[in-house]
Protein backbone atom coordinates (compact mmCIF):
# COMPACT_ATOMS: atom_id res chain seq x y z
CA MET A 1 -0.16 -0.03 0.04
CA LYS A 2 2.93 2.24 0.69
CA GLY A 3 3.93 2.34 -2.92
CA VAL A 4 0.14 2.95 -4.23
CA ASN A 5 0.06 5.92 -1.59
CA GLN A 6 3.41 7.28 -2.68
CA GLU A 7 2.45 7.16 -6.28
CA LEU A 8 -1.11 9.02 -5.51
CA ALA A 9 0.89 11.54 -3.58
CA ARG A 10 3.57 11.87 -6.31
CA LEU A 11 0.74 12.68 -8.76
CA GLY A 12 -0.47 15.34 -6.59
CA HIS A 13 -3.62 13.49 -4.96
CA ASP A 14 -4.32 14.15 -1.37
CA VAL A 15 -5.75 10.50 -0.37
CA LEU A 16 -4.65 7.18 1.06
CA LEU A 17 -5.53 3.75 0.18
CA ALA A 18 -6.40 1.41 3.19
CA LYS A 19 -7.51 -2.28 3.39
CA GLY A 20 -10.82 -3.22 4.56
CA SER A 21 -11.90 -6.78 4.88
CA GLY A 22 -11.85 -8.26 1.47
CA TYR A 23 -11.67 -4.88 -0.20
CA PHE A 24 -9.60 -1.75 -0.33
CA TYR A 25 -10.67 1.76 0.01
CA PHE A 26 -9.64 5.38 -0.64
CA TRP A 27 -10.02 7.73 2.35
CA THR A 28 -9.09 11.25 3.77
CA GLY A 29 -8.23 14.39 1.80
CA GLU A 30 -10.14 14.57 -1.42
CA ALA A 31 -11.79 11.26 -0.90
CA ALA A 32 -13.20 12.24 2.54
CA ASP A 33 -16.69 13.16 1.02
CA TRP A 34 -16.70 10.40 -1.61
CA LEU A 35 -20.02 8.21 -1.56
CA ASP A 36 -18.11 5.25 -3.48
CA ARG A 37 -14.86 4.75 -2.55
CA THR A 38 -14.12 0.84 -2.59
CA VAL A 39 -12.06 -1.47 -4.81
CA ASN A 40 -13.52 -4.88 -4.54
CA VAL A 41 -10.13 -7.07 -4.83
CA PRO A 42 -8.97 -9.45 -2.42
CA SER A 43 -5.39 -8.57 -2.35
CA LEU A 44 -3.22 -5.54 -3.15
CA SER A 45 -1.31 -7.60 -5.66
CA ALA A 46 -4.69 -8.10 -7.61
CA LEU A 47 -4.00 -4.75 -9.38
CA THR A 48 -0.74 -3.40 -10.75
CA LEU A 49 0.44 -0.07 -9.48
CA ASP A 50 -0.94 1.62 -12.60
CA GLN A 51 -4.28 -0.25 -12.14
CA TRP A 52 -4.59 1.14 -8.70
CA VAL A 53 -3.84 4.72 -10.11
CA GLU A 54 -6.64 4.02 -12.62
CA GLU A 55 -9.20 2.81 -9.95
CA PHE A 56 -8.49 5.92 -8.18
CA ARG A 57 -9.17 7.98 -11.12
CA ARG A 58 -12.42 5.91 -11.98
CA LEU A 59 -13.76 6.47 -8.53
CA GLN A 60 -12.61 10.31 -8.62
CA LYS A 61 -14.52 10.79 -11.78
CA LEU A 62 -17.52 8.76 -10.63
CA ASN A 63 -17.71 10.73 -7.32
CA ARG A 64 -17.71 14.04 -9.18
CA GLU A 65 -20.53 12.91 -11.23
CA ILE A 66 -22.53 11.67 -8.20
CA LEU A 67 -21.91 14.93 -6.33
CA ASN A 68 -22.80 17.12 -9.40
CA GLN A 69 -26.03 15.03 -9.87
CA THR A 70 -26.96 15.47 -5.97
CA ALA A 71 -26.04 19.32 -6.14
CA LYS A 72 -28.22 19.79 -9.24
CA SER A 73 -31.28 17.79 -7.72
CA ALA A 74 -30.81 20.00 -4.49
CA ALA A 75 -30.97 23.14 -6.59
CA VAL A 76 -33.98 22.21 -8.48
CA LYS A 77 -35.86 21.29 -5.27
CA LYS A 78 -34.95 24.74 -3.66
CA LYS A 79 -36.40 26.38 -6.89
CA THR A 80 -39.46 24.32 -6.78
CA PRO A 81 -42.23 25.83 -4.55
């Protein structure tokens, strides 16, 4: 995990990878408010370093989309009398 976390930091991301029970997840920093942060793999070696970085980017994009949709829905509800 240290290598993945170092690579993410080198790429300018404020996030850490941690191990759960049968999965891994990104937390802290920019992932603190994410609704989806898990990668369902049994071991760290299931993915290469490049694949871990790609999983982070995939979840980053997904969460941006989720949070944008949530914000848009909230704005519409506020405008509706």
